[in-house]
C-alpha cells in the first residue's frame, strides 16, 4: 500500500507567537522533519474525510461501538473540554488516573506518570496551545483524559489515558472512544483550521491498541513541513 505524504502548516513565528510557542513547535517538529524521521509512519486522521462530527461518528465507529458509547452516555458518563483553571484545580484526580495502573499495553508505565502533575500555564498564542478533554463518571469524578497539542492545521495527541478501574468495569473502555469523539466534535466546531489529528505512530502498540486506532479513524501517513 502506498502511504500518502501530507504537507502541513504549523504557523511558525507569527506575530501572535509568545515564549510558550517554541517548545510546542519543537515537539511537533520532531514528527514532521523528514531529515530526522524519514520513513516514520504516523497514525493520522484527515478531518476532510468527514463532513462533520456526526458523519465521523456514523462512519468511523462500527454499529456495536456506537451502541456501547450511547449506553455509557445513558449511564451518566460525559466528555467535555476542561479549561486550564479546572484542570489545575483537579490535579488529585489527574494523579489518580496516571497512577491507577503500573502497566499498560503490556509494558511498564513511564516513571513520569508517578510524579505529581504540575499546573499548566495558559498559552496565549491562538496558533500553538494545549487543550485537555476529560471523561467524567456519573458522580462527576474525572476518570480519563486526552491531552492535545494544536499547532496550525495540525493537532497531536500527546496523551490519552483512562483510570484503570473504570476501564475494567465500564464496557471495556467504551467511554475512551467517546473521549476521542468529544475531541473530534470540538475540533469541527471550535478549531476548523485543524485539518489533521495525529496519535503517535501507526504500527506501534499491542494488537488492542492497533485495533483502537483503526476504530477511531486513524490512517497511516508520512508528513512533510
N, C-alpha and C. Protein backbone atom coordinates (compact mmCIF):
# COMPACT_ATOMS: atom_id res chain seq x y z
N UNK A 1 0.84 -1.20 0.00
CA UNK A 1 0.00 0.00 0.00
C UNK A 1 0.87 1.25 0.00
N UNK A 2 0.56 2.19 -0.89
CA UNK A 2 1.29 3.45 -0.91
C UNK A 2 0.80 4.33 0.24
N UNK A 3 1.75 4.80 1.04
CA UNK A 3 1.40 5.64 2.18
C UNK A 3 1.48 7.10 1.75
N UNK A 4 0.40 7.86 1.93
CA UNK A 4 0.40 9.24 1.43
C UNK A 4 1.30 10.16 2.25
N UNK A 5 1.85 11.16 1.57
CA UNK A 5 2.55 12.25 2.23
C UNK A 5 1.56 13.38 2.46
N UNK A 6 1.61 13.97 3.63
CA UNK A 6 0.74 15.10 3.96
C UNK A 6 1.62 16.31 4.24
N UNK A 7 1.32 17.41 3.57
CA UNK A 7 2.06 18.64 3.86
C UNK A 7 1.25 19.47 4.85
N UNK A 8 1.90 19.88 5.93
CA UNK A 8 1.18 20.59 6.97
C UNK A 8 1.78 21.98 7.18
N UNK A 9 0.98 22.84 7.80
CA UNK A 9 1.41 24.20 8.11
C UNK A 9 1.30 24.46 9.59
N UNK A 10 2.42 24.71 10.25
CA UNK A 10 2.44 24.87 11.71
C UNK A 10 2.39 26.33 12.15
N UNK A 11 2.40 27.25 11.21
CA UNK A 11 2.35 28.69 11.53
C UNK A 11 3.52 29.10 12.42
N UNK A 12 4.72 28.87 11.94
CA UNK A 12 5.91 29.27 12.68
C UNK A 12 6.01 30.80 12.75
N UNK A 13 6.44 31.28 13.90
CA UNK A 13 6.84 32.68 14.08
C UNK A 13 5.80 33.68 13.57
N UNK A 14 4.56 33.51 13.98
CA UNK A 14 3.55 34.50 13.64
C UNK A 14 3.70 35.70 14.57
N UNK A 15 3.00 36.79 14.23
CA UNK A 15 3.10 37.98 15.08
C UNK A 15 2.37 37.82 16.40
N UNK A 16 1.67 36.68 16.59
CA UNK A 16 0.98 36.43 17.85
C UNK A 16 1.67 35.35 18.69
N UNK A 17 2.81 34.85 18.22
CA UNK A 17 3.54 33.84 18.99
C UNK A 17 4.10 34.45 20.28
N UNK A 18 4.22 33.61 21.29
CA UNK A 18 4.75 34.02 22.59
C UNK A 18 5.88 33.08 22.99
N UNK A 19 6.39 33.26 24.20
CA UNK A 19 7.51 32.44 24.66
C UNK A 19 7.12 30.98 24.85
N UNK A 20 5.82 30.67 24.91
CA UNK A 20 5.39 29.28 25.08
C UNK A 20 5.37 28.51 23.76
N UNK A 21 5.49 29.21 22.63
CA UNK A 21 5.36 28.53 21.33
C UNK A 21 6.56 27.65 20.96
N UNK A 22 7.80 28.10 21.13
CA UNK A 22 8.93 27.28 20.67
C UNK A 22 8.96 25.85 21.18
N UNK A 23 8.72 25.59 22.49
CA UNK A 23 8.76 24.18 22.92
C UNK A 23 7.63 23.34 22.32
N UNK A 24 6.47 23.94 22.09
CA UNK A 24 5.37 23.19 21.47
C UNK A 24 5.72 22.84 20.02
N UNK A 25 6.27 23.83 19.31
CA UNK A 25 6.64 23.60 17.92
C UNK A 25 7.79 22.60 17.81
N UNK A 26 8.71 22.65 18.76
CA UNK A 26 9.82 21.69 18.75
C UNK A 26 9.32 20.26 18.91
N UNK A 27 8.33 20.08 19.77
CA UNK A 27 7.74 18.76 19.97
C UNK A 27 7.12 18.24 18.66
N UNK A 28 6.30 19.07 18.03
CA UNK A 28 5.63 18.65 16.79
C UNK A 28 6.64 18.48 15.66
N UNK A 29 7.63 19.35 15.60
CA UNK A 29 8.60 19.29 14.51
C UNK A 29 9.38 17.98 14.53
N UNK A 30 9.48 17.37 15.71
CA UNK A 30 10.16 16.08 15.78
C UNK A 30 9.48 15.01 14.94
N UNK A 31 8.18 15.17 14.71
CA UNK A 31 7.46 14.24 13.86
C UNK A 31 7.51 14.62 12.38
N UNK A 32 7.63 15.92 12.09
CA UNK A 32 7.42 16.34 10.71
C UNK A 32 8.69 16.61 9.93
N UNK A 33 9.84 16.58 10.56
CA UNK A 33 11.09 16.84 9.85
C UNK A 33 11.52 15.57 9.11
N UNK A 34 11.41 15.55 7.80
CA UNK A 34 11.72 14.30 7.08
C UNK A 34 13.19 13.91 7.15
N UNK A 35 14.08 14.87 7.40
CA UNK A 35 15.50 14.53 7.50
C UNK A 35 15.77 13.71 8.76
N UNK A 36 15.01 13.99 9.85
CA UNK A 36 15.19 13.24 11.08
C UNK A 36 14.41 11.93 11.06
N UNK A 37 13.21 11.98 10.53
CA UNK A 37 12.27 10.88 10.70
C UNK A 37 11.83 10.28 9.37
N UNK A 38 12.75 10.15 8.45
CA UNK A 38 12.42 9.58 7.15
C UNK A 38 11.87 8.17 7.33
N UNK A 39 10.65 7.96 6.87
CA UNK A 39 10.06 6.63 6.92
C UNK A 39 9.21 6.35 8.13
N UNK A 40 9.14 7.26 9.11
CA UNK A 40 8.27 7.04 10.27
C UNK A 40 6.82 7.19 9.83
N UNK A 41 6.03 6.16 10.05
CA UNK A 41 4.64 6.16 9.62
C UNK A 41 3.76 6.55 10.80
N UNK A 42 3.11 7.70 10.69
CA UNK A 42 2.29 8.21 11.76
C UNK A 42 0.84 7.74 11.61
N UNK A 43 0.11 7.78 12.72
CA UNK A 43 -1.32 7.49 12.71
C UNK A 43 -2.05 8.82 12.65
N UNK A 44 -2.73 9.08 11.54
CA UNK A 44 -3.30 10.40 11.27
C UNK A 44 -4.76 10.27 10.83
N UNK A 45 -5.58 11.18 11.32
CA UNK A 45 -6.97 11.27 10.87
C UNK A 45 -7.14 12.55 10.07
N UNK A 46 -7.37 12.47 8.75
CA UNK A 46 -7.64 13.66 7.94
C UNK A 46 -9.07 14.15 8.20
N UNK A 47 -9.21 15.37 8.70
CA UNK A 47 -10.54 15.89 9.02
C UNK A 47 -11.40 16.04 7.77
N UNK A 48 -10.78 16.29 6.63
CA UNK A 48 -11.56 16.48 5.40
C UNK A 48 -12.21 15.19 4.90
N UNK A 49 -11.89 14.06 5.52
CA UNK A 49 -12.55 12.81 5.14
C UNK A 49 -14.00 12.77 5.62
N UNK A 50 -14.37 13.69 6.51
CA UNK A 50 -15.70 13.68 7.12
C UNK A 50 -16.35 15.05 6.98
N UNK A 51 -17.66 15.06 6.79
CA UNK A 51 -18.40 16.32 6.62
C UNK A 51 -18.54 17.06 7.93
N UNK A 52 -18.72 16.32 9.02
CA UNK A 52 -18.92 16.91 10.34
C UNK A 52 -18.75 15.81 11.37
N UNK A 53 -18.97 16.16 12.65
CA UNK A 53 -18.74 15.19 13.73
C UNK A 53 -19.70 14.01 13.64
N UNK A 54 -20.96 14.26 13.28
CA UNK A 54 -21.92 13.17 13.19
C UNK A 54 -21.55 12.21 12.07
N UNK A 55 -21.06 12.74 10.96
CA UNK A 55 -20.60 11.90 9.86
C UNK A 55 -19.44 11.02 10.32
N UNK A 56 -18.52 11.60 11.08
CA UNK A 56 -17.41 10.82 11.65
C UNK A 56 -17.94 9.71 12.54
N UNK A 57 -18.88 10.04 13.43
CA UNK A 57 -19.43 9.07 14.38
C UNK A 57 -20.07 7.89 13.66
N UNK A 58 -20.81 8.17 12.61
CA UNK A 58 -21.53 7.11 11.91
C UNK A 58 -20.62 6.26 11.03
N UNK A 59 -19.57 6.87 10.47
CA UNK A 59 -18.73 6.14 9.53
C UNK A 59 -17.50 5.50 10.17
N UNK A 60 -16.92 6.17 11.17
CA UNK A 60 -15.69 5.65 11.76
C UNK A 60 -15.97 4.56 12.80
N UNK A 61 -17.07 4.69 13.53
CA UNK A 61 -17.41 3.73 14.58
C UNK A 61 -18.35 2.67 14.03
N UNK A 62 -18.09 1.42 14.38
CA UNK A 62 -18.99 0.34 14.00
C UNK A 62 -20.29 0.39 14.79
N UNK A 63 -21.26 -0.41 14.36
CA UNK A 63 -22.58 -0.42 14.99
C UNK A 63 -22.50 -0.76 16.47
N UNK A 64 -21.70 -1.78 16.82
CA UNK A 64 -21.59 -2.19 18.22
C UNK A 64 -20.96 -1.09 19.07
N UNK A 65 -19.91 -0.43 18.52
CA UNK A 65 -19.24 0.61 19.28
C UNK A 65 -20.17 1.81 19.48
N UNK A 66 -20.96 2.16 18.47
CA UNK A 66 -21.91 3.26 18.62
C UNK A 66 -22.94 2.94 19.70
N UNK A 67 -23.40 1.69 19.71
CA UNK A 67 -24.37 1.27 20.72
C UNK A 67 -23.76 1.33 22.12
N UNK A 68 -22.55 0.81 22.27
CA UNK A 68 -21.90 0.82 23.58
C UNK A 68 -21.65 2.24 24.07
N UNK A 69 -21.23 3.11 23.15
CA UNK A 69 -21.00 4.51 23.54
C UNK A 69 -22.29 5.16 24.02
N UNK A 70 -23.38 4.93 23.30
CA UNK A 70 -24.66 5.53 23.69
C UNK A 70 -25.14 4.98 25.03
N UNK A 71 -24.84 3.70 25.29
CA UNK A 71 -25.22 3.12 26.59
C UNK A 71 -24.41 3.76 27.72
N UNK A 72 -23.12 3.94 27.49
CA UNK A 72 -22.28 4.59 28.50
C UNK A 72 -22.77 6.01 28.76
N UNK A 73 -23.13 6.71 27.70
CA UNK A 73 -23.66 8.07 27.84
C UNK A 73 -24.98 8.05 28.61
N UNK A 74 -25.82 7.06 28.32
CA UNK A 74 -27.09 6.92 29.02
C UNK A 74 -26.87 6.63 30.49
N UNK A 75 -25.79 5.91 30.82
CA UNK A 75 -25.48 5.59 32.21
C UNK A 75 -24.98 6.80 33.00
N UNK A 76 -24.72 7.91 32.30
CA UNK A 76 -24.34 9.14 33.00
C UNK A 76 -22.90 9.57 32.84
N UNK A 77 -22.12 8.85 32.02
CA UNK A 77 -20.75 9.28 31.75
C UNK A 77 -20.79 10.41 30.72
N UNK A 78 -19.88 11.35 30.86
CA UNK A 78 -19.87 12.51 29.96
C UNK A 78 -18.45 12.90 29.61
N UNK A 79 -18.29 13.57 28.47
CA UNK A 79 -16.99 14.03 28.00
C UNK A 79 -17.10 15.51 27.63
N UNK A 80 -16.05 16.27 27.92
CA UNK A 80 -16.03 17.70 27.58
C UNK A 80 -14.62 18.24 27.71
N UNK A 81 -14.35 19.39 27.07
CA UNK A 81 -13.07 20.06 27.29
C UNK A 81 -12.98 20.62 28.70
N UNK A 82 -11.77 20.66 29.23
CA UNK A 82 -11.51 21.31 30.53
C UNK A 82 -10.76 22.62 30.28
N UNK A 83 -11.12 23.64 31.00
CA UNK A 83 -10.32 24.86 30.98
C UNK A 83 -9.01 24.60 31.72
N UNK A 84 -8.02 25.45 31.49
CA UNK A 84 -6.76 25.32 32.20
C UNK A 84 -6.99 25.43 33.71
N UNK A 85 -7.88 26.34 34.10
CA UNK A 85 -8.17 26.53 35.52
C UNK A 85 -8.77 25.27 36.13
N UNK A 86 -9.75 24.67 35.46
CA UNK A 86 -10.36 23.46 36.00
C UNK A 86 -9.34 22.33 36.06
N UNK A 87 -8.56 22.18 35.03
CA UNK A 87 -7.53 21.14 35.03
C UNK A 87 -6.60 21.31 36.21
N UNK A 88 -6.17 22.53 36.46
CA UNK A 88 -5.24 22.79 37.56
C UNK A 88 -5.89 22.63 38.93
N UNK A 89 -7.21 22.76 39.00
CA UNK A 89 -7.92 22.59 40.27
C UNK A 89 -8.25 21.13 40.56
N UNK A 90 -7.95 20.22 39.61
CA UNK A 90 -8.31 18.81 39.80
C UNK A 90 -7.08 17.92 39.64
N UNK A 91 -5.95 18.39 40.12
CA UNK A 91 -4.70 17.63 39.96
C UNK A 91 -4.73 16.31 40.72
N UNK A 92 -5.45 16.25 41.84
CA UNK A 92 -5.54 14.98 42.57
C UNK A 92 -6.20 13.90 41.72
N UNK A 93 -7.24 14.27 40.99
CA UNK A 93 -7.91 13.30 40.12
C UNK A 93 -7.02 12.91 38.94
N UNK A 94 -6.30 13.88 38.39
CA UNK A 94 -5.37 13.59 37.31
C UNK A 94 -4.29 12.62 37.78
N UNK A 95 -3.79 12.85 38.97
CA UNK A 95 -2.77 11.97 39.54
C UNK A 95 -3.34 10.56 39.75
N UNK A 96 -4.59 10.47 40.17
CA UNK A 96 -5.22 9.16 40.38
C UNK A 96 -5.35 8.40 39.07
N UNK A 97 -5.66 9.09 37.98
CA UNK A 97 -5.72 8.44 36.66
C UNK A 97 -4.34 7.92 36.26
N UNK A 98 -3.35 8.79 36.39
CA UNK A 98 -2.00 8.43 35.94
C UNK A 98 -1.41 7.26 36.71
N UNK A 99 -1.77 7.13 37.98
CA UNK A 99 -1.17 6.10 38.84
C UNK A 99 -2.08 4.90 39.06
N UNK A 100 -3.17 4.80 38.28
CA UNK A 100 -4.14 3.72 38.51
C UNK A 100 -3.67 2.37 37.99
N UNK A 101 -2.57 2.35 37.25
CA UNK A 101 -2.01 1.08 36.76
C UNK A 101 -0.51 1.23 36.63
N UNK A 102 0.22 0.19 37.01
CA UNK A 102 1.67 0.21 36.87
C UNK A 102 2.12 -0.25 35.49
N UNK A 103 1.21 -0.94 34.76
CA UNK A 103 1.50 -1.39 33.40
C UNK A 103 0.29 -1.11 32.51
N UNK A 104 0.57 -0.78 31.26
CA UNK A 104 -0.48 -0.62 30.25
C UNK A 104 0.07 -1.09 28.91
N UNK A 105 -0.80 -1.64 28.09
CA UNK A 105 -0.41 -2.12 26.77
C UNK A 105 0.78 -3.08 26.85
N UNK A 106 0.84 -3.85 27.94
CA UNK A 106 1.87 -4.86 28.06
C UNK A 106 3.23 -4.37 28.50
N UNK A 107 3.33 -3.11 28.90
CA UNK A 107 4.62 -2.58 29.33
C UNK A 107 4.47 -1.71 30.56
N UNK A 108 5.59 -1.50 31.24
CA UNK A 108 5.58 -0.67 32.45
C UNK A 108 5.33 0.79 32.10
N UNK A 109 4.60 1.47 32.94
CA UNK A 109 4.34 2.89 32.74
C UNK A 109 5.62 3.68 32.97
N UNK A 110 5.80 4.73 32.18
CA UNK A 110 6.94 5.63 32.39
C UNK A 110 6.86 6.24 33.78
N UNK A 111 8.01 6.37 34.41
CA UNK A 111 8.04 6.86 35.78
C UNK A 111 7.49 8.28 35.92
N UNK A 112 7.46 9.04 34.83
CA UNK A 112 6.92 10.40 34.93
C UNK A 112 5.44 10.41 35.29
N UNK A 113 4.71 9.33 34.98
CA UNK A 113 3.30 9.27 35.34
C UNK A 113 3.09 9.19 36.85
N UNK A 114 4.13 8.80 37.58
CA UNK A 114 4.00 8.65 39.02
C UNK A 114 4.51 9.88 39.78
N UNK A 115 4.86 10.92 39.03
CA UNK A 115 5.17 12.20 39.64
C UNK A 115 3.89 13.02 39.72
N UNK A 116 3.73 13.77 40.80
CA UNK A 116 2.51 14.56 40.95
C UNK A 116 2.48 15.61 39.84
N UNK A 117 1.34 15.72 39.12
CA UNK A 117 1.29 16.63 37.97
C UNK A 117 1.44 18.10 38.38
N UNK A 118 2.03 18.87 37.48
CA UNK A 118 2.25 20.29 37.72
C UNK A 118 1.12 21.10 37.10
N UNK A 119 0.85 22.27 37.63
CA UNK A 119 -0.14 23.15 37.00
C UNK A 119 0.29 23.51 35.58
N UNK A 120 -0.68 23.70 34.72
CA UNK A 120 -0.43 24.07 33.33
C UNK A 120 -0.62 25.58 33.17
N UNK A 121 0.24 26.20 32.39
CA UNK A 121 0.10 27.62 32.09
C UNK A 121 -0.90 27.81 30.94
N UNK A 122 -1.56 28.94 30.96
CA UNK A 122 -2.47 29.29 29.87
C UNK A 122 -1.69 29.90 28.72
N UNK A 123 -1.61 29.19 27.60
CA UNK A 123 -0.91 29.74 26.44
C UNK A 123 -1.77 30.82 25.77
N UNK A 124 -1.11 31.85 25.29
CA UNK A 124 -1.84 33.00 24.74
C UNK A 124 -1.84 33.03 23.22
N UNK A 125 -1.00 32.24 22.57
CA UNK A 125 -0.96 32.24 21.11
C UNK A 125 -2.16 31.47 20.56
N UNK A 126 -2.90 32.05 19.60
CA UNK A 126 -4.06 31.34 19.05
C UNK A 126 -3.71 30.20 18.10
N UNK A 127 -2.43 30.08 17.73
CA UNK A 127 -2.00 29.05 16.79
C UNK A 127 -1.34 27.85 17.47
N UNK A 128 -0.78 28.03 18.68
CA UNK A 128 0.01 26.98 19.33
C UNK A 128 -0.38 26.89 20.80
N UNK A 129 -1.09 25.82 21.17
CA UNK A 129 -1.55 25.70 22.55
C UNK A 129 -1.99 24.27 22.84
N UNK A 130 -2.08 23.96 24.13
CA UNK A 130 -2.60 22.67 24.59
C UNK A 130 -4.11 22.79 24.83
N UNK A 131 -4.79 21.67 24.72
CA UNK A 131 -6.18 21.59 25.13
C UNK A 131 -6.40 20.21 25.74
N UNK A 132 -7.13 20.18 26.86
CA UNK A 132 -7.37 18.93 27.58
C UNK A 132 -8.85 18.59 27.53
N UNK A 133 -9.15 17.33 27.22
CA UNK A 133 -10.52 16.82 27.20
C UNK A 133 -10.64 15.77 28.30
N UNK A 134 -11.77 15.76 28.97
CA UNK A 134 -11.94 14.84 30.08
C UNK A 134 -13.18 13.98 29.96
N UNK A 135 -13.12 12.79 30.57
CA UNK A 135 -14.28 11.92 30.77
C UNK A 135 -14.63 11.97 32.24
N UNK A 136 -15.93 12.05 32.53
CA UNK A 136 -16.39 12.16 33.92
C UNK A 136 -17.42 11.08 34.21
N UNK A 137 -17.29 10.50 35.39
CA UNK A 137 -18.21 9.46 35.83
C UNK A 137 -19.56 10.08 36.18
N UNK A 138 -20.60 9.25 36.40
CA UNK A 138 -21.91 9.81 36.76
C UNK A 138 -21.88 10.68 38.01
N UNK A 139 -20.93 10.45 38.91
CA UNK A 139 -20.81 11.29 40.10
C UNK A 139 -19.73 12.36 39.94
N UNK A 140 -19.40 12.70 38.69
CA UNK A 140 -18.52 13.82 38.33
C UNK A 140 -17.08 13.63 38.78
N UNK A 141 -16.61 12.39 38.82
CA UNK A 141 -15.19 12.14 39.05
C UNK A 141 -14.49 12.12 37.70
N UNK A 142 -13.37 12.80 37.61
CA UNK A 142 -12.58 12.84 36.38
C UNK A 142 -11.86 11.50 36.25
N UNK A 143 -12.16 10.74 35.19
CA UNK A 143 -11.66 9.37 35.09
C UNK A 143 -10.86 9.07 33.82
N UNK A 144 -10.72 10.05 32.95
CA UNK A 144 -9.93 9.84 31.74
C UNK A 144 -9.66 11.16 31.06
N UNK A 145 -8.57 11.23 30.29
CA UNK A 145 -8.26 12.49 29.63
C UNK A 145 -7.53 12.27 28.31
N UNK A 146 -7.63 13.30 27.48
CA UNK A 146 -6.89 13.37 26.23
C UNK A 146 -6.21 14.72 26.21
N UNK A 147 -4.90 14.71 26.08
CA UNK A 147 -4.09 15.93 26.07
C UNK A 147 -3.68 16.20 24.63
N UNK A 148 -4.17 17.30 24.07
CA UNK A 148 -3.96 17.61 22.66
C UNK A 148 -3.10 18.86 22.51
N UNK A 149 -2.18 18.81 21.56
CA UNK A 149 -1.35 19.97 21.23
C UNK A 149 -1.75 20.44 19.85
N UNK A 150 -2.19 21.69 19.74
CA UNK A 150 -2.62 22.25 18.47
C UNK A 150 -1.55 23.18 17.93
N UNK A 151 -1.21 23.01 16.66
CA UNK A 151 -0.19 23.84 16.02
C UNK A 151 -0.57 24.04 14.56
N UNK A 152 -1.10 25.21 14.24
CA UNK A 152 -1.53 25.47 12.88
C UNK A 152 -2.65 24.54 12.46
N UNK A 153 -2.46 23.83 11.34
CA UNK A 153 -3.51 22.92 10.88
C UNK A 153 -3.30 21.48 11.37
N UNK A 154 -2.43 21.33 12.38
CA UNK A 154 -2.05 20.01 12.90
C UNK A 154 -2.42 19.92 14.38
N UNK A 155 -2.96 18.78 14.79
CA UNK A 155 -3.24 18.54 16.21
C UNK A 155 -2.63 17.20 16.59
N UNK A 156 -1.76 17.20 17.59
CA UNK A 156 -1.06 15.98 18.01
C UNK A 156 -1.57 15.54 19.37
N UNK A 157 -2.02 14.30 19.45
CA UNK A 157 -2.46 13.74 20.72
C UNK A 157 -1.23 13.32 21.52
N UNK A 158 -0.98 13.99 22.63
CA UNK A 158 0.20 13.69 23.44
C UNK A 158 -0.08 12.53 24.39
N UNK A 159 -1.21 12.58 25.08
CA UNK A 159 -1.61 11.51 25.99
C UNK A 159 -3.09 11.23 25.82
N UNK A 160 -3.46 9.97 25.94
CA UNK A 160 -4.86 9.58 26.11
C UNK A 160 -4.86 8.43 27.12
N UNK A 161 -5.51 8.66 28.25
CA UNK A 161 -5.36 7.73 29.36
C UNK A 161 -6.65 7.69 30.18
N UNK A 162 -7.03 6.48 30.61
CA UNK A 162 -8.20 6.31 31.45
C UNK A 162 -7.83 5.67 32.77
N UNK A 163 -8.64 5.93 33.79
CA UNK A 163 -8.44 5.28 35.09
C UNK A 163 -8.69 3.78 34.93
N UNK A 164 -7.74 2.97 35.34
CA UNK A 164 -7.79 1.54 35.07
C UNK A 164 -9.03 0.88 35.66
N UNK A 165 -9.47 1.31 36.84
CA UNK A 165 -10.63 0.70 37.47
C UNK A 165 -11.88 0.88 36.61
N UNK A 166 -12.01 2.04 35.98
CA UNK A 166 -13.17 2.29 35.13
C UNK A 166 -13.02 1.61 33.77
N UNK A 167 -11.80 1.53 33.27
CA UNK A 167 -11.58 0.81 32.02
C UNK A 167 -11.98 -0.65 32.17
N UNK A 168 -11.70 -1.23 33.34
CA UNK A 168 -12.01 -2.63 33.58
C UNK A 168 -13.50 -2.89 33.73
N UNK A 169 -14.24 -1.87 34.23
CA UNK A 169 -15.64 -2.11 34.58
C UNK A 169 -16.64 -1.49 33.62
N UNK A 170 -16.22 -0.53 32.83
CA UNK A 170 -17.17 0.26 32.03
C UNK A 170 -17.15 -0.15 30.58
N UNK A 171 -17.81 -1.28 30.27
CA UNK A 171 -17.96 -1.74 28.88
C UNK A 171 -16.66 -1.68 28.10
N UNK A 172 -15.61 -2.18 28.73
CA UNK A 172 -14.30 -2.29 28.09
C UNK A 172 -13.77 -0.95 27.58
N UNK A 173 -14.04 0.08 28.34
CA UNK A 173 -13.46 1.37 28.00
C UNK A 173 -14.14 2.09 26.85
N UNK A 174 -15.43 1.80 26.61
CA UNK A 174 -16.12 2.49 25.52
C UNK A 174 -16.09 3.99 25.70
N UNK A 175 -16.03 4.45 26.94
CA UNK A 175 -16.03 5.90 27.16
C UNK A 175 -14.76 6.55 26.62
N UNK A 176 -13.67 5.79 26.46
CA UNK A 176 -12.46 6.38 25.90
C UNK A 176 -12.64 6.64 24.40
N UNK A 177 -13.41 5.80 23.72
CA UNK A 177 -13.75 6.08 22.33
C UNK A 177 -14.63 7.34 22.29
N UNK A 178 -15.52 7.46 23.26
CA UNK A 178 -16.34 8.66 23.37
C UNK A 178 -15.50 9.90 23.60
N UNK A 179 -14.40 9.76 24.31
CA UNK A 179 -13.49 10.89 24.53
C UNK A 179 -12.90 11.36 23.21
N UNK A 180 -12.51 10.42 22.36
CA UNK A 180 -12.00 10.78 21.03
C UNK A 180 -13.08 11.51 20.23
N UNK A 181 -14.31 11.01 20.30
CA UNK A 181 -15.42 11.65 19.59
C UNK A 181 -15.65 13.06 20.11
N UNK A 182 -15.54 13.25 21.40
CA UNK A 182 -15.68 14.59 22.01
C UNK A 182 -14.64 15.54 21.43
N UNK A 183 -13.40 15.07 21.34
CA UNK A 183 -12.32 15.90 20.81
C UNK A 183 -12.58 16.24 19.35
N UNK A 184 -12.96 15.23 18.55
CA UNK A 184 -13.22 15.47 17.13
C UNK A 184 -14.36 16.49 16.97
N UNK A 185 -15.41 16.36 17.77
CA UNK A 185 -16.53 17.30 17.70
C UNK A 185 -16.08 18.72 18.00
N UNK A 186 -15.25 18.87 19.02
CA UNK A 186 -14.75 20.19 19.38
C UNK A 186 -13.88 20.79 18.28
N UNK A 187 -13.07 19.95 17.63
CA UNK A 187 -12.22 20.43 16.54
C UNK A 187 -13.10 20.94 15.40
N UNK A 188 -14.12 20.19 15.03
CA UNK A 188 -15.01 20.62 13.95
C UNK A 188 -15.67 21.96 14.28
N UNK A 189 -16.10 22.13 15.52
CA UNK A 189 -16.87 23.32 15.88
C UNK A 189 -15.99 24.52 16.19
N UNK A 190 -14.94 24.31 16.99
CA UNK A 190 -14.18 25.43 17.54
C UNK A 190 -12.80 25.64 16.92
N UNK A 191 -12.29 24.64 16.18
CA UNK A 191 -10.95 24.77 15.61
C UNK A 191 -10.94 24.28 14.16
N UNK A 192 -11.73 24.93 13.30
CA UNK A 192 -11.86 24.44 11.91
C UNK A 192 -10.58 24.54 11.09
N UNK A 193 -9.59 25.30 11.57
CA UNK A 193 -8.32 25.38 10.83
C UNK A 193 -7.52 24.08 10.94
N UNK A 194 -7.83 23.24 11.93
CA UNK A 194 -7.13 21.95 12.08
C UNK A 194 -7.63 20.98 11.01
N UNK A 195 -6.71 20.46 10.23
CA UNK A 195 -7.07 19.55 9.14
C UNK A 195 -6.60 18.12 9.38
N UNK A 196 -5.70 17.92 10.36
CA UNK A 196 -5.18 16.58 10.63
C UNK A 196 -5.02 16.39 12.12
N UNK A 197 -5.41 15.22 12.62
CA UNK A 197 -5.22 14.83 14.01
C UNK A 197 -4.31 13.61 14.03
N UNK A 198 -3.29 13.66 14.84
CA UNK A 198 -2.30 12.58 14.90
C UNK A 198 -2.30 11.93 16.28
N UNK A 199 -2.15 10.61 16.28
CA UNK A 199 -1.90 9.90 17.54
C UNK A 199 -0.71 8.96 17.36
N UNK A 200 0.46 9.41 17.70
CA UNK A 200 1.69 8.63 17.71
C UNK A 200 1.92 7.98 16.34
N UNK A 201 2.41 6.74 16.34
CA UNK A 201 2.73 6.05 15.10
C UNK A 201 1.76 4.89 14.85
N UNK A 202 1.60 4.55 13.58
CA UNK A 202 0.53 3.64 13.20
C UNK A 202 0.75 2.23 13.70
N UNK A 203 1.95 1.72 13.59
CA UNK A 203 2.18 0.30 13.88
C UNK A 203 2.90 0.06 15.19
N UNK A 204 2.71 0.96 16.15
CA UNK A 204 3.31 0.84 17.47
C UNK A 204 2.22 0.51 18.48
N UNK A 205 2.47 -0.48 19.33
CA UNK A 205 1.49 -0.86 20.34
C UNK A 205 1.00 -2.28 20.13
N UNK A 206 0.30 -2.79 21.16
CA UNK A 206 -0.18 -4.16 21.08
C UNK A 206 -1.40 -4.26 20.16
N UNK A 207 -1.87 -5.47 19.86
CA UNK A 207 -2.99 -5.62 18.92
C UNK A 207 -4.24 -4.84 19.33
N UNK A 208 -4.50 -4.75 20.65
CA UNK A 208 -5.67 -4.00 21.10
C UNK A 208 -5.57 -2.53 20.73
N UNK A 209 -4.38 -1.94 20.91
CA UNK A 209 -4.18 -0.54 20.55
C UNK A 209 -4.26 -0.34 19.05
N UNK A 210 -3.72 -1.29 18.28
CA UNK A 210 -3.81 -1.20 16.83
C UNK A 210 -5.27 -1.19 16.37
N UNK A 211 -6.07 -2.04 16.97
CA UNK A 211 -7.49 -2.10 16.62
C UNK A 211 -8.18 -0.80 17.00
N UNK A 212 -7.82 -0.24 18.16
CA UNK A 212 -8.42 1.02 18.61
C UNK A 212 -8.12 2.14 17.63
N UNK A 213 -6.89 2.21 17.13
CA UNK A 213 -6.52 3.27 16.18
C UNK A 213 -7.39 3.20 14.93
N UNK A 214 -7.60 2.01 14.41
CA UNK A 214 -8.44 1.87 13.23
C UNK A 214 -9.88 2.25 13.54
N UNK A 215 -10.32 1.91 14.75
CA UNK A 215 -11.71 2.15 15.14
C UNK A 215 -12.04 3.64 15.22
N UNK A 216 -11.04 4.46 15.53
CA UNK A 216 -11.32 5.89 15.67
C UNK A 216 -10.89 6.68 14.43
N UNK A 217 -10.65 6.02 13.31
CA UNK A 217 -10.44 6.70 12.05
C UNK A 217 -9.01 7.07 11.72
N UNK A 218 -8.03 6.54 12.45
CA UNK A 218 -6.63 6.86 12.16
C UNK A 218 -6.11 6.03 10.99
N UNK A 219 -5.28 6.67 10.17
CA UNK A 219 -4.73 6.04 8.97
C UNK A 219 -3.23 6.27 8.92
N UNK A 220 -2.48 5.41 8.21
CA UNK A 220 -1.04 5.63 8.08
C UNK A 220 -0.75 6.83 7.18
N UNK A 221 0.27 7.63 7.58
CA UNK A 221 0.65 8.80 6.78
C UNK A 221 2.08 9.18 7.10
N UNK A 222 2.74 9.78 6.12
CA UNK A 222 4.05 10.42 6.29
C UNK A 222 3.83 11.91 6.11
N UNK A 223 4.53 12.74 6.88
CA UNK A 223 4.27 14.18 6.79
C UNK A 223 5.54 14.96 6.49
N UNK A 224 5.35 16.06 5.79
CA UNK A 224 6.42 16.95 5.45
C UNK A 224 6.02 18.37 5.83
N UNK A 225 6.97 19.21 6.24
CA UNK A 225 6.62 20.57 6.66
C UNK A 225 6.35 21.49 5.47
